[in-house]
Every structure is written in structure tokens, then in C-alpha cells.
Amino acid sequence: MILYSSISTSSFLLDLAAFLLAPMDLRLWSCGIICSGKTTLLKILAGKHMVGGKNVVQVLSRSAFHDTQLICSGDLSYLGGSWSKTVGSAGEVPLQGDFSAEHMIFGVEGIDPVRREKLIDLLDINLQWRMHKVSDGQKRRVQICMGLLHPFKVLLLDEVTVDLDVVARMDLLEFFKEECDQRGATIVYATHIFDGLETWATHLAYIQNGELNRSSKMADINEMKTSPNLLSVVESWLRSETKLVKKKKKKEPVAAWKPSPFDNSPFRSSRHMAYYR
């Protein structure tokens, strides 16, 4: 289903290749500390970054980067980040437009009306919402709805539930489980929210510093037999990793600060941090 080949510079991708070459109906939870490589992995799978040659990263036997029809058809779906754009030095600014949620959702053509109504009801979306007036959580609901309108075969999720309340999140996870059980879909989900994942995920991939540190079925994790929940298990892994990082930093010599002739230049930027907000 998801294949990597000829990547000599990344043992992580090669390790994950053997892990993901599995039957359909797979719900993989990707965990790790910040900057471990989870988002980069999902973006590579989604075809947002080219790695190596044309057939290095394949999803559903098609090139993830070069075959744009893979995304356009809905077979491969990626949900991550927020609706925003970079505007000059102001940084990330939320997309704003005076249009309704109905205009966006019903603007997607070739959709099963039954599936559309199910998603609208599941995410509790008011079709009269004006997208420039709603909260981040309401925008996220519309974003998720639009990303799930086409029946996917592979779904990549990158922290898409951070803006949802507990009820909406659990209902959405149950919907994902039904999609896997009934249609044989595969889901790769990267998140720092652990609630409900013990029974939802079928597999786990622990990423550490850009490498696949651990990969197994949830049922095969020995620590789960003696720990009260999944949170305590993963917390112990992350704390051990953090201690190793701190030890390495202590051993590295700190370079002495050297003054620069440009430090007192009148042309040096002196804008207050509030300018960038």
C-alpha cells in the first residue's frame, strides 16, 4: 500500500516501509516528541515533498509526489495544519472570507449526499456559519468535513483534533474506525492527545530524532500489561528520550560570543515583538 525504495539517506523511511506494507484496515498512531519527524513523514506521504526520484515514495502503487490524481481523486487524503497564509512580516494569518460553510461544503462536486449529510451531522456543523466570524474550532470542523467528503483509501491526519472538544473528537475517532472496518481504509494519525487511543489504534510507530525507534501492534506492547494507560507508557519513552537529549547538550562545548560590527548599526531591526503578532 505505502512503499519506499532506494532511499539511501534515510534509514527511517526504509524501516517504516516494511512496517506499512501491511493489509488494509490499519489504524497507525504516530507518536514522538516535537520535531521528531512526524509531520515531515506525513507530508512526504501526502506528496507535498519530493524525496529522491519518481518512484521512491509510492502510495497505492502510485508516486505520491508526481501523481496529482492520487490526491484529486480522494484516494489519498491529507488533513493537517490550519487554514492560513503567510502575509509579509505578519507571519501566519488565518484565511478570512465572507462565505458560508454551506457554500464551501456543497461546492465540492461528485459527493455522495448521504455521506455529506452524515459528516455535517457528525461534526455538528451549522451551514449558515460565516467563515470569517466563526471560532478556530468551527473552522476546523468545516476543514475536516471537506477533507472527508470523498471516500478515502489512505488518510493522513496531523493533529487535526486539537481544536475539537472531547465529544466531537471521540465521535470522529469512531467514524474513522468504521471507515477502516467497513471499507478497509488505512489511517496514519499523528497526535499528542492520547485519550481513547488504547482501543482505537491497531498499530503504533514511535519516532525518535527522525528514526523509527519502535513499531508494533498495540496488543504487542509489553508495557501496556503493567501500566494503567497508554499515556504513562509513552510518557516514560519520551522522558527517557528527553534526558538523553539534555545529556548530549551538556557535553557539547558552547561557542564563545563574539561581538559584531553590525550590533550597533542604525539599520538593525528594532521592531517590537508585537509588530509580528
Protein backbone atom coordinates (compact mmCIF):
# COMPACT_ATOMS: atom_id res chain seq x y z
CA MET A 1 0.00 0.00 0.00
CA ILE A 2 2.65 2.51 1.07
CA LEU A 3 6.07 1.79 -0.38
CA TYR A 4 9.52 3.33 -0.09
CA SER A 5 12.51 2.27 -2.15
CA SER A 6 16.04 3.41 -2.98
CA ILE A 7 16.33 5.93 -0.14
CA SER A 8 19.94 5.59 0.95
CA THR A 9 19.90 8.78 3.04
CA SER A 10 17.03 7.84 5.33
CA SER A 11 17.01 4.57 7.24
CA PHE A 12 13.82 5.81 8.90
CA LEU A 13 11.84 5.61 5.68
CA LEU A 14 13.25 2.20 4.89
CA ASP A 15 12.32 0.90 8.33
CA LEU A 16 8.83 2.30 8.06
CA ALA A 17 8.42 0.77 4.60
CA ALA A 18 8.44 -2.76 5.94
CA PHE A 19 6.06 -1.74 8.71
CA LEU A 20 3.44 -0.11 6.49
CA LEU A 21 3.46 -2.80 3.81
CA ALA A 22 0.54 -4.39 5.59
CA PRO A 23 -3.05 -5.40 4.79
CA MET A 24 -5.80 -2.81 4.63
CA ASP A 25 -7.82 -1.89 7.73
CA LEU A 26 -4.87 -0.39 9.61
CA ARG A 27 -5.03 2.47 12.10
CA LEU A 28 -1.49 3.62 12.83
CA TRP A 29 -0.78 6.10 15.61
CA SER A 30 2.48 8.02 15.16
CA CYS A 31 3.95 9.45 18.36
CA GLY A 32 7.14 11.24 19.38
CA ILE A 33 8.39 14.50 20.85
CA ILE A 34 8.13 17.78 18.96
CA CYS A 35 10.46 17.96 15.93
CA SER A 36 10.91 14.18 15.83
CA GLY A 37 9.75 13.96 12.20
CA LYS A 38 6.05 13.06 12.39
CA THR A 39 4.76 15.96 10.29
CA THR A 40 7.58 15.58 7.76
CA LEU A 41 6.68 11.92 7.31
CA LEU A 42 3.01 12.71 6.68
CA LYS A 43 3.86 15.48 4.21
CA ILE A 44 6.15 13.11 2.29
CA LEU A 45 3.39 10.51 2.15
CA ALA A 46 0.93 13.20 1.04
CA GLY A 47 3.18 14.17 -1.86
CA LYS A 48 3.99 17.63 -0.53
CA HIS A 49 7.75 16.95 -0.60
CA MET A 50 9.71 15.06 -3.24
CA VAL A 51 12.18 12.54 -1.86
CA GLY A 52 14.69 11.08 -4.31
CA GLY A 53 13.33 10.04 -7.71
CA LYS A 54 9.91 9.49 -9.19
CA ASN A 55 9.08 6.11 -7.67
CA VAL A 56 10.85 6.44 -4.33
CA VAL A 57 7.66 7.07 -2.33
CA GLN A 58 4.57 5.27 -3.60
CA VAL A 59 1.08 5.21 -2.14
CA LEU A 60 -1.41 2.74 -3.61
CA SER A 61 1.27 1.79 -6.18
CA ARG A 62 1.42 5.38 -7.46
CA SER A 63 4.00 8.11 -6.99
CA ALA A 64 2.93 10.24 -4.03
CA PHE A 65 4.59 13.41 -5.36
CA HIS A 66 4.20 13.12 -9.15
CA ASP A 67 0.73 11.56 -9.45
CA THR A 68 -1.51 14.51 -8.58
CA GLN A 69 -4.61 12.48 -9.41
CA LEU A 70 -3.93 10.47 -6.26
CA ILE A 71 -4.97 13.46 -4.15
CA CYS A 72 -7.53 14.88 -6.59
CA SER A 73 -9.45 11.59 -6.72
CA GLY A 74 -9.70 11.48 -2.94
CA ASP A 75 -7.98 8.08 -2.68
CA LEU A 76 -5.23 9.77 -0.66
CA SER A 77 -6.37 12.45 1.74
CA TYR A 78 -4.23 14.66 3.99
CA LEU A 79 -5.61 16.72 6.85
CA GLY A 80 -3.17 18.86 8.77
CA GLY A 81 -2.31 22.39 9.73
CA SER A 82 -4.81 25.21 9.72
CA TRP A 83 -6.36 27.39 7.06
CA SER A 84 -3.83 30.21 6.98
CA LYS A 85 -1.44 32.02 4.70
CA THR A 86 1.81 33.91 5.14
CA VAL A 87 1.35 37.68 4.78
CA GLY A 88 4.61 39.61 4.70
CA SER A 89 6.28 40.01 8.07
CA ALA A 90 2.98 39.44 9.86
CA GLY A 91 3.51 35.68 9.54
CA GLU A 92 0.65 33.19 9.53
CA VAL A 93 -2.72 34.92 9.13
CA PRO A 94 -5.99 32.92 9.18
CA LEU A 95 -7.79 32.77 5.86
CA GLN A 96 -10.76 35.10 6.00
CA GLY A 97 -13.66 35.33 3.60
CA ASP A 98 -17.30 36.25 3.95
CA PHE A 99 -18.81 32.99 2.73
CA SER A 100 -20.87 30.33 4.42
CA ALA A 101 -19.98 26.79 5.45
CA GLU A 102 -22.73 25.59 3.10
CA HIS A 103 -21.03 27.34 0.16
CA MET A 104 -17.77 25.52 0.87
CA ILE A 105 -19.12 22.06 1.66
CA PHE A 106 -21.69 21.91 -1.15
CA GLY A 107 -19.16 23.40 -3.56
CA VAL A 108 -17.32 20.06 -3.70
CA GLU A 109 -18.68 18.14 -6.70
CA GLY A 110 -19.29 14.43 -7.13
CA ILE A 111 -20.10 13.75 -3.48
CA ASP A 112 -22.49 11.16 -2.08
CA PRO A 113 -25.24 13.25 -0.44
CA VAL A 114 -25.77 10.63 2.27
CA ARG A 115 -22.09 10.75 3.25
CA ARG A 116 -22.13 14.55 3.19
CA GLU A 117 -25.15 14.76 5.49
CA LYS A 118 -23.58 12.20 7.82
CA LEU A 119 -20.41 14.28 8.16
CA ILE A 120 -22.34 17.51 8.68
CA ASP A 121 -24.34 15.87 11.46
CA LEU A 122 -21.28 14.14 12.95
CA LEU A 123 -19.28 17.37 13.20
CA ASP A 124 -22.32 19.41 14.27
CA ILE A 125 -21.81 21.99 11.51
CA ASN A 126 -24.21 24.87 11.05
CA LEU A 127 -24.38 25.52 7.31
CA GLN A 128 -25.09 29.19 7.97
CA TRP A 129 -21.74 29.79 9.67
CA ARG A 130 -19.87 32.74 8.15
CA MET A 131 -16.28 31.60 7.88
CA HIS A 132 -14.77 34.97 8.79
CA LYS A 133 -16.73 35.14 12.05
CA VAL A 134 -16.51 31.62 13.47
CA SER A 135 -14.01 30.26 16.01
CA ASP A 136 -10.94 28.15 15.23
CA GLY A 137 -12.79 25.03 16.35
CA GLN A 138 -15.69 25.71 13.98
CA LYS A 139 -13.29 26.35 11.10
CA ARG A 140 -11.57 23.07 11.91
CA ARG A 141 -14.89 21.20 11.73
CA VAL A 142 -15.56 22.55 8.25
CA GLN A 143 -12.00 21.74 7.18
CA ILE A 144 -12.32 18.14 8.41
CA CYS A 145 -15.71 17.74 6.75
CA MET A 146 -14.40 18.87 3.37
CA GLY A 147 -11.37 16.58 3.67
CA LEU A 148 -13.56 13.55 4.33
CA LEU A 149 -16.25 14.09 1.69
CA HIS A 150 -14.52 11.76 -0.78
CA PRO A 151 -14.26 8.13 0.44
CA PHE A 152 -10.51 7.77 1.03
CA LYS A 153 -8.33 4.70 0.83
CA VAL A 154 -5.41 6.23 2.75
CA LEU A 155 -5.98 9.06 5.23
CA LEU A 156 -3.14 11.07 6.79
CA LEU A 157 -4.01 13.07 9.91
CA ASP A 158 -1.66 15.59 11.52
CA GLU A 159 -3.03 16.98 14.80
CA VAL A 160 -6.46 17.65 13.30
CA THR A 161 -8.38 17.24 16.56
CA VAL A 162 -6.57 19.87 18.64
CA ASP A 163 -9.42 22.38 18.21
CA LEU A 164 -12.23 19.90 18.89
CA ASP A 165 -13.97 19.21 22.18
CA VAL A 166 -13.95 15.75 23.75
CA VAL A 167 -17.34 14.68 22.36
CA ALA A 168 -16.56 15.77 18.79
CA ARG A 169 -13.14 14.10 18.93
CA MET A 170 -14.45 10.75 20.19
CA ASP A 171 -17.27 10.75 17.61
CA LEU A 172 -14.74 11.47 14.86
CA LEU A 173 -12.44 8.65 16.00
CA GLU A 174 -15.41 6.28 15.96
CA PHE A 175 -16.20 7.38 12.39
CA PHE A 176 -12.60 6.68 11.37
CA LYS A 177 -12.83 3.23 12.93
CA GLU A 178 -15.98 2.48 10.93
CA GLU A 179 -14.26 3.60 7.73
CA CYS A 180 -11.44 1.12 8.36
CA ASP A 181 -13.68 -1.76 9.42
CA GLN A 182 -16.29 -1.35 6.68
CA ARG A 183 -14.23 -0.09 3.72
CA GLY A 184 -10.75 -1.41 4.57
CA ALA A 185 -9.16 2.04 4.67
CA THR A 186 -5.77 2.84 6.20
CA ILE A 187 -5.22 5.79 8.56
CA VAL A 188 -1.94 7.27 9.81
CA TYR A 189 -2.64 9.62 12.72
CA ALA A 190 -0.02 11.83 14.40
CA THR A 191 -1.17 13.43 17.64
CA HIS A 192 -0.15 14.31 21.19
CA ILE A 193 -3.66 13.63 22.53
CA PHE A 194 -3.78 10.12 23.99
CA ASP A 195 -7.41 9.85 25.12
CA GLY A 196 -9.16 6.84 23.60
CA LEU A 197 -6.22 5.64 21.52
CA GLU A 198 -5.71 2.41 23.50
CA THR A 199 -8.75 0.84 21.83
CA TRP A 200 -8.75 2.90 18.62
CA ALA A 201 -5.29 2.33 17.15
CA THR A 202 -4.24 -1.08 15.82
CA HIS A 203 -0.54 -0.20 15.42
CA LEU A 204 1.95 2.25 16.92
CA ALA A 205 5.03 3.92 15.44
CA TYR A 206 7.35 5.72 17.86
CA ILE A 207 9.57 8.21 16.02
CA GLN A 208 12.73 9.46 17.68
CA ASN A 209 15.03 12.05 16.10
CA GLY A 210 13.93 11.19 12.57
CA GLU A 211 14.25 7.43 13.07
CA LEU A 212 11.69 4.71 13.67
CA ASN A 213 12.52 3.74 17.25
CA ARG A 214 9.66 1.31 17.77
CA SER A 215 6.85 -0.16 15.67
CA SER A 216 4.40 -2.84 16.69
CA LYS A 217 0.79 -3.78 17.12
CA MET A 218 -0.87 -2.17 20.11
CA ALA A 219 -1.60 -5.61 21.52
CA ASP A 220 2.12 -6.48 21.46
CA ILE A 221 3.31 -3.58 23.65
CA ASN A 222 4.54 -5.31 26.81
CA GLU A 223 4.48 -2.13 28.90
CA MET A 224 0.71 -1.88 28.45
CA LYS A 225 0.27 -5.01 30.57
CA THR A 226 1.74 -3.36 33.67
CA SER A 227 0.84 0.31 33.10
CA PRO A 228 -2.55 1.86 33.87
CA ASN A 229 -2.91 3.52 30.46
CA LEU A 230 -1.19 4.40 27.20
CA LEU A 231 -0.26 7.87 28.43
CA SER A 232 2.03 6.54 31.17
CA VAL A 233 3.74 4.17 28.72
CA VAL A 234 4.55 6.79 26.10
CA GLU A 235 5.41 9.36 28.76
CA SER A 236 8.18 7.08 30.05
CA TRP A 237 9.58 6.75 26.50
CA LEU A 238 9.53 10.50 25.91
CA ARG A 239 11.10 11.32 29.29
CA SER A 240 13.93 8.88 28.61
CA GLU A 241 14.47 10.46 25.20
CA THR A 242 14.45 13.98 26.67
CA LYS A 243 17.09 13.03 29.26
CA LEU A 244 19.36 11.72 26.50
CA VAL A 245 19.00 14.96 24.55
CA LYS A 246 19.88 17.04 27.63
CA LYS A 247 22.98 14.92 28.31
CA LYS A 248 24.21 15.43 24.76
CA LYS A 249 23.72 19.19 25.01
CA LYS A 250 25.75 19.35 28.24
CA LYS A 251 28.68 17.56 26.60
CA GLU A 252 28.79 19.89 23.60
CA PRO A 253 31.06 22.94 24.16
CA VAL A 254 29.33 26.31 23.98
CA ALA A 255 30.94 28.69 21.48
CA ALA A 256 32.09 31.99 22.95
CA TRP A 257 30.07 35.04 21.91
CA LYS A 258 31.86 37.40 19.57
CA PRO A 259 30.68 40.98 19.07
CA SER A 260 29.69 42.02 15.57
CA PRO A 261 30.26 45.45 13.99
CA PHE A 262 26.59 45.38 12.98
CA ASP A 263 25.29 45.12 16.56
CA ASN A 264 25.06 48.90 16.95
CA SER A 265 24.08 49.64 13.37
CA PRO A 266 21.21 52.16 12.98
CA PHE A 267 19.83 49.92 10.22
CA ARG A 268 19.45 46.92 12.52
CA SER A 269 15.85 45.80 13.06
CA SER A 270 14.40 47.21 16.27
CA ARG A 271 10.73 46.37 15.85
CA HIS A 272 8.83 45.37 18.94
CA MET A 273 7.66 41.74 19.02
CA ALA A 274 4.06 42.94 18.99
CA TYR A 275 4.66 44.02 15.38
CA TYR A 276 4.80 40.37 14.32
CA ARG A 277 1.56 39.34 16.02
